[in-house]
Amino acid sequence: MDAEGLCFEIAMVSFVFALGNILLGHFEEKTPKWNRAGKFLATLVIVCLISVFFGRMAAMILLAISLIPVAVLHLWWLPKNGINGWTAEPRDRYYEFRGWDKKSDKKL
């Protein structure tokens, strides 16, 4: 497979990350930008490598499966622990969960 053959995979990973940032970006407000960019690039490389070696279907299945922990965290674990899985409120509790200092941009 050549580079043109990976355009679909690149588009899908980019779409998932764009949608995630639009809908759930407030959950990452104090995460360093390099960390967020690194997560995107690592996911992109892994999905493209899986596609090259195991096929597009395997890559898309991996991408879909990777969304399961996100859904579990936001739909079950956060609400179970008193944090709204859509708004990250109350902020104090969410910041404590993430290890962020509520009053500054520094992590604890």
N, C-alpha and C. Protein backbone atom coordinates (compact mmCIF):
# COMPACT_ATOMS: atom_id res chain seq x y z
N MET A 1 0.85 -1.18 0.00
CA MET A 1 0.00 0.00 0.00
C MET A 1 0.90 1.24 0.00
N ASP A 2 0.57 2.21 -0.83
CA ASP A 2 1.35 3.44 -0.89
C ASP A 2 0.72 4.51 0.01
N ALA A 3 1.33 5.68 0.03
CA ALA A 3 0.86 6.75 0.91
C ALA A 3 -0.56 7.19 0.55
N GLU A 4 -0.90 7.16 -0.73
CA GLU A 4 -2.26 7.54 -1.13
C GLU A 4 -3.30 6.59 -0.55
N GLY A 5 -2.92 5.36 -0.36
CA GLY A 5 -3.84 4.38 0.19
C GLY A 5 -4.16 4.61 1.65
N LEU A 6 -3.40 5.44 2.33
CA LEU A 6 -3.62 5.70 3.75
C LEU A 6 -4.44 6.97 4.00
N CYS A 7 -4.88 7.62 2.94
CA CYS A 7 -5.65 8.86 3.11
C CYS A 7 -6.93 8.63 3.92
N PHE A 8 -7.60 7.51 3.69
CA PHE A 8 -8.82 7.21 4.43
C PHE A 8 -8.53 7.07 5.92
N GLU A 9 -7.48 6.35 6.27
CA GLU A 9 -7.11 6.17 7.67
C GLU A 9 -6.76 7.50 8.33
N ILE A 10 -6.00 8.32 7.62
CA ILE A 10 -5.64 9.64 8.15
C ILE A 10 -6.89 10.49 8.36
N ALA A 11 -7.80 10.44 7.39
CA ALA A 11 -9.05 11.20 7.51
C ALA A 11 -9.89 10.71 8.69
N MET A 12 -9.99 9.40 8.87
CA MET A 12 -10.81 8.86 9.96
C MET A 12 -10.23 9.22 11.33
N VAL A 13 -8.92 9.06 11.51
CA VAL A 13 -8.30 9.42 12.79
C VAL A 13 -8.46 10.91 13.04
N SER A 14 -8.26 11.72 12.02
CA SER A 14 -8.41 13.17 12.16
C SER A 14 -9.85 13.53 12.52
N PHE A 15 -10.81 12.87 11.88
CA PHE A 15 -12.23 13.12 12.18
C PHE A 15 -12.55 12.77 13.63
N VAL A 16 -12.09 11.61 14.08
CA VAL A 16 -12.37 11.18 15.46
C VAL A 16 -11.77 12.18 16.45
N PHE A 17 -10.53 12.60 16.21
CA PHE A 17 -9.90 13.55 17.13
C PHE A 17 -10.55 14.93 17.06
N ALA A 18 -10.93 15.38 15.87
CA ALA A 18 -11.61 16.67 15.75
C ALA A 18 -12.94 16.65 16.48
N LEU A 19 -13.72 15.61 16.27
CA LEU A 19 -15.00 15.49 16.94
C LEU A 19 -14.81 15.40 18.46
N GLY A 20 -13.83 14.63 18.87
CA GLY A 20 -13.53 14.52 20.30
C GLY A 20 -13.13 15.85 20.91
N ASN A 21 -12.32 16.62 20.20
CA ASN A 21 -11.92 17.93 20.72
C ASN A 21 -13.08 18.91 20.77
N ILE A 22 -13.96 18.83 19.79
CA ILE A 22 -15.12 19.72 19.78
C ILE A 22 -16.07 19.38 20.92
N LEU A 23 -16.38 18.09 21.09
CA LEU A 23 -17.37 17.68 22.08
C LEU A 23 -16.81 17.51 23.48
N LEU A 24 -15.57 17.06 23.60
CA LEU A 24 -15.03 16.71 24.91
C LEU A 24 -13.71 17.43 25.24
N GLY A 25 -13.36 18.45 24.47
CA GLY A 25 -12.10 19.15 24.67
C GLY A 25 -11.97 19.80 26.03
N HIS A 26 -13.08 20.17 26.65
CA HIS A 26 -13.02 20.80 27.97
C HIS A 26 -12.48 19.84 29.04
N PHE A 27 -12.48 18.56 28.76
CA PHE A 27 -11.91 17.60 29.69
C PHE A 27 -10.38 17.63 29.65
N GLU A 28 -9.80 18.25 28.64
CA GLU A 28 -8.35 18.30 28.47
C GLU A 28 -7.80 19.71 28.58
N GLU A 29 -8.55 20.61 29.20
CA GLU A 29 -8.18 22.02 29.19
C GLU A 29 -6.80 22.32 29.78
N LYS A 30 -6.35 21.55 30.73
CA LYS A 30 -5.04 21.79 31.33
C LYS A 30 -4.00 20.75 30.92
N THR A 31 -4.34 19.91 29.97
CA THR A 31 -3.37 18.95 29.45
C THR A 31 -2.43 19.70 28.51
N PRO A 32 -1.12 19.51 28.65
CA PRO A 32 -0.18 20.22 27.77
C PRO A 32 -0.47 19.94 26.29
N LYS A 33 -0.29 20.96 25.48
CA LYS A 33 -0.56 20.83 24.05
C LYS A 33 0.30 19.74 23.41
N TRP A 34 1.56 19.62 23.84
CA TRP A 34 2.44 18.60 23.27
C TRP A 34 1.90 17.20 23.56
N ASN A 35 1.27 17.04 24.72
CA ASN A 35 0.70 15.74 25.08
C ASN A 35 -0.50 15.41 24.19
N ARG A 36 -1.34 16.40 23.95
CA ARG A 36 -2.51 16.20 23.10
C ARG A 36 -2.09 15.91 21.66
N ALA A 37 -1.11 16.67 21.16
CA ALA A 37 -0.61 16.44 19.79
C ALA A 37 0.07 15.07 19.69
N GLY A 38 0.80 14.70 20.72
CA GLY A 38 1.47 13.40 20.73
C GLY A 38 0.48 12.24 20.70
N LYS A 39 -0.61 12.38 21.42
CA LYS A 39 -1.65 11.34 21.42
C LYS A 39 -2.24 11.18 20.02
N PHE A 40 -2.48 12.31 19.35
CA PHE A 40 -3.00 12.26 17.98
C PHE A 40 -2.01 11.57 17.04
N LEU A 41 -0.74 12.00 17.10
CA LEU A 41 0.27 11.44 16.20
C LEU A 41 0.50 9.95 16.48
N ALA A 42 0.53 9.56 17.74
CA ALA A 42 0.72 8.15 18.08
C ALA A 42 -0.44 7.30 17.56
N THR A 43 -1.66 7.80 17.73
CA THR A 43 -2.83 7.08 17.24
C THR A 43 -2.79 6.97 15.72
N LEU A 44 -2.42 8.05 15.07
CA LEU A 44 -2.33 8.06 13.61
C LEU A 44 -1.32 7.04 13.10
N VAL A 45 -0.15 7.01 13.72
CA VAL A 45 0.89 6.06 13.31
C VAL A 45 0.44 4.62 13.54
N ILE A 46 -0.15 4.35 14.69
CA ILE A 46 -0.59 2.99 15.01
C ILE A 46 -1.67 2.53 14.03
N VAL A 47 -2.66 3.38 13.77
CA VAL A 47 -3.74 3.01 12.86
C VAL A 47 -3.19 2.78 11.45
N CYS A 48 -2.29 3.65 10.99
CA CYS A 48 -1.71 3.47 9.65
C CYS A 48 -0.88 2.20 9.56
N LEU A 49 -0.09 1.91 10.60
CA LEU A 49 0.70 0.67 10.59
C LEU A 49 -0.20 -0.57 10.60
N ILE A 50 -1.23 -0.55 11.39
CA ILE A 50 -2.18 -1.68 11.41
C ILE A 50 -2.80 -1.84 10.03
N SER A 51 -3.15 -0.73 9.40
CA SER A 51 -3.75 -0.79 8.07
C SER A 51 -2.79 -1.39 7.04
N VAL A 52 -1.53 -0.98 7.11
CA VAL A 52 -0.54 -1.48 6.15
C VAL A 52 -0.31 -2.98 6.34
N PHE A 53 -0.16 -3.40 7.59
CA PHE A 53 0.19 -4.79 7.85
C PHE A 53 -0.99 -5.75 7.96
N PHE A 54 -2.15 -5.25 8.39
CA PHE A 54 -3.30 -6.14 8.61
C PHE A 54 -4.55 -5.76 7.84
N GLY A 55 -4.52 -4.63 7.15
CA GLY A 55 -5.65 -4.22 6.34
C GLY A 55 -6.48 -3.11 6.98
N ARG A 56 -7.22 -2.44 6.12
CA ARG A 56 -8.04 -1.31 6.55
C ARG A 56 -9.10 -1.71 7.57
N MET A 57 -9.71 -2.87 7.37
CA MET A 57 -10.76 -3.31 8.29
C MET A 57 -10.21 -3.46 9.71
N ALA A 58 -9.04 -4.06 9.84
CA ALA A 58 -8.43 -4.22 11.16
C ALA A 58 -8.13 -2.86 11.78
N ALA A 59 -7.66 -1.91 10.98
CA ALA A 59 -7.36 -0.57 11.49
C ALA A 59 -8.62 0.13 11.98
N MET A 60 -9.71 0.00 11.23
CA MET A 60 -10.95 0.66 11.62
C MET A 60 -11.57 -0.01 12.85
N ILE A 61 -11.42 -1.32 12.94
CA ILE A 61 -11.90 -2.03 14.14
C ILE A 61 -11.11 -1.56 15.35
N LEU A 62 -9.79 -1.45 15.21
CA LEU A 62 -8.96 -0.94 16.32
C LEU A 62 -9.38 0.46 16.72
N LEU A 63 -9.61 1.32 15.74
CA LEU A 63 -10.03 2.69 16.03
C LEU A 63 -11.37 2.69 16.77
N ALA A 64 -12.31 1.87 16.33
CA ALA A 64 -13.62 1.78 17.00
C ALA A 64 -13.48 1.24 18.42
N ILE A 65 -12.67 0.21 18.58
CA ILE A 65 -12.47 -0.38 19.91
C ILE A 65 -11.81 0.62 20.86
N SER A 66 -10.96 1.48 20.32
CA SER A 66 -10.28 2.46 21.17
C SER A 66 -11.26 3.49 21.74
N LEU A 67 -12.45 3.59 21.16
CA LEU A 67 -13.45 4.52 21.68
C LEU A 67 -14.23 3.94 22.86
N ILE A 68 -14.15 2.64 23.06
CA ILE A 68 -14.89 2.00 24.16
C ILE A 68 -14.44 2.52 25.53
N PRO A 69 -13.12 2.58 25.82
CA PRO A 69 -12.73 3.12 27.13
C PRO A 69 -13.18 4.57 27.34
N VAL A 70 -13.20 5.37 26.29
CA VAL A 70 -13.67 6.75 26.39
C VAL A 70 -15.15 6.75 26.79
N ALA A 71 -15.94 5.92 26.14
CA ALA A 71 -17.36 5.83 26.46
C ALA A 71 -17.58 5.34 27.89
N VAL A 72 -16.85 4.33 28.30
CA VAL A 72 -16.98 3.80 29.66
C VAL A 72 -16.63 4.88 30.67
N LEU A 73 -15.54 5.60 30.44
CA LEU A 73 -15.12 6.66 31.37
C LEU A 73 -16.19 7.74 31.49
N HIS A 74 -16.67 8.24 30.35
CA HIS A 74 -17.60 9.37 30.37
C HIS A 74 -19.03 8.99 30.71
N LEU A 75 -19.44 7.79 30.36
CA LEU A 75 -20.83 7.40 30.59
C LEU A 75 -21.05 6.63 31.89
N TRP A 76 -19.98 6.03 32.44
CA TRP A 76 -20.17 5.22 33.65
C TRP A 76 -19.27 5.67 34.80
N TRP A 77 -17.94 5.67 34.61
CA TRP A 77 -17.03 5.89 35.71
C TRP A 77 -17.12 7.30 36.29
N LEU A 78 -17.10 8.33 35.44
CA LEU A 78 -17.19 9.70 35.96
C LEU A 78 -18.50 9.92 36.71
N PRO A 79 -19.68 9.60 36.14
CA PRO A 79 -20.92 9.78 36.91
C PRO A 79 -20.94 8.96 38.20
N LYS A 80 -20.37 7.76 38.17
CA LYS A 80 -20.33 6.93 39.38
C LYS A 80 -19.54 7.61 40.49
N ASN A 81 -18.56 8.43 40.11
CA ASN A 81 -17.72 9.12 41.07
C ASN A 81 -18.11 10.59 41.26
N GLY A 82 -19.34 10.93 40.90
CA GLY A 82 -19.88 12.25 41.18
C GLY A 82 -19.43 13.34 40.23
N ILE A 83 -18.96 12.99 39.04
CA ILE A 83 -18.53 13.98 38.05
C ILE A 83 -19.40 13.80 36.81
N ASN A 84 -19.95 14.90 36.32
CA ASN A 84 -20.77 14.84 35.12
C ASN A 84 -19.89 14.46 33.93
N GLY A 85 -20.25 13.40 33.24
CA GLY A 85 -19.45 12.89 32.13
C GLY A 85 -19.53 13.72 30.87
N TRP A 86 -20.38 14.73 30.84
CA TRP A 86 -20.50 15.58 29.68
C TRP A 86 -19.92 16.98 29.93
N THR A 87 -20.05 17.48 31.18
CA THR A 87 -19.62 18.84 31.48
C THR A 87 -18.39 18.91 32.39
N ALA A 88 -17.96 17.79 32.94
CA ALA A 88 -16.82 17.73 33.88
C ALA A 88 -17.08 18.55 35.13
N GLU A 89 -18.31 18.58 35.58
CA GLU A 89 -18.66 19.31 36.79
C GLU A 89 -19.03 18.33 37.89
N PRO A 90 -18.78 18.63 39.11
CA PRO A 90 -18.15 19.84 39.62
C PRO A 90 -16.65 19.88 39.28
N ARG A 91 -16.20 21.06 38.91
CA ARG A 91 -14.81 21.24 38.47
C ARG A 91 -13.81 20.83 39.55
N ASP A 92 -14.10 21.18 40.79
CA ASP A 92 -13.16 20.83 41.88
C ASP A 92 -12.88 19.33 41.90
N ARG A 93 -13.94 18.56 41.82
CA ARG A 93 -13.80 17.11 41.88
C ARG A 93 -13.07 16.58 40.64
N TYR A 94 -13.42 17.13 39.46
CA TYR A 94 -12.76 16.69 38.24
C TYR A 94 -11.28 17.05 38.24
N TYR A 95 -10.95 18.26 38.68
CA TYR A 95 -9.53 18.67 38.75
C TYR A 95 -8.77 17.78 39.71
N GLU A 96 -9.39 17.43 40.82
CA GLU A 96 -8.75 16.52 41.77
C GLU A 96 -8.50 15.16 41.13
N PHE A 97 -9.47 14.66 40.39
CA PHE A 97 -9.33 13.39 39.69
C PHE A 97 -8.15 13.43 38.72
N ARG A 98 -7.99 14.54 38.00
CA ARG A 98 -6.92 14.67 37.02
C ARG A 98 -5.58 15.05 37.64
N GLY A 99 -5.58 15.47 38.90
CA GLY A 99 -4.34 15.90 39.54
C GLY A 99 -3.94 17.32 39.16
N TRP A 100 -4.93 18.13 38.80
CA TRP A 100 -4.68 19.51 38.40
C TRP A 100 -4.92 20.44 39.57
N ASP A 101 -4.12 21.51 39.63
CA ASP A 101 -4.32 22.57 40.62
C ASP A 101 -5.43 23.48 40.10
N LYS A 102 -6.45 23.64 40.88
CA LYS A 102 -7.62 24.41 40.48
C LYS A 102 -7.30 25.88 40.22
N LYS A 103 -6.31 26.44 40.92
CA LYS A 103 -6.07 27.87 40.86
C LYS A 103 -4.99 28.30 39.89
N SER A 104 -4.29 27.36 39.29
CA SER A 104 -3.22 27.73 38.38
C SER A 104 -3.23 26.82 37.16
N ASP A 105 -2.32 27.10 36.26
CA ASP A 105 -2.20 26.27 35.08
C ASP A 105 -1.23 25.11 35.30
N LYS A 106 -0.70 24.99 36.50
CA LYS A 106 0.26 23.92 36.80
C LYS A 106 -0.45 22.68 37.28
N LYS A 107 0.13 21.53 36.98
CA LYS A 107 -0.40 20.28 37.52
C LYS A 107 0.11 20.12 38.93
N LEU A 108 -0.62 19.36 39.75
CA LEU A 108 -0.18 19.11 41.13
C LEU A 108 1.06 18.27 41.16
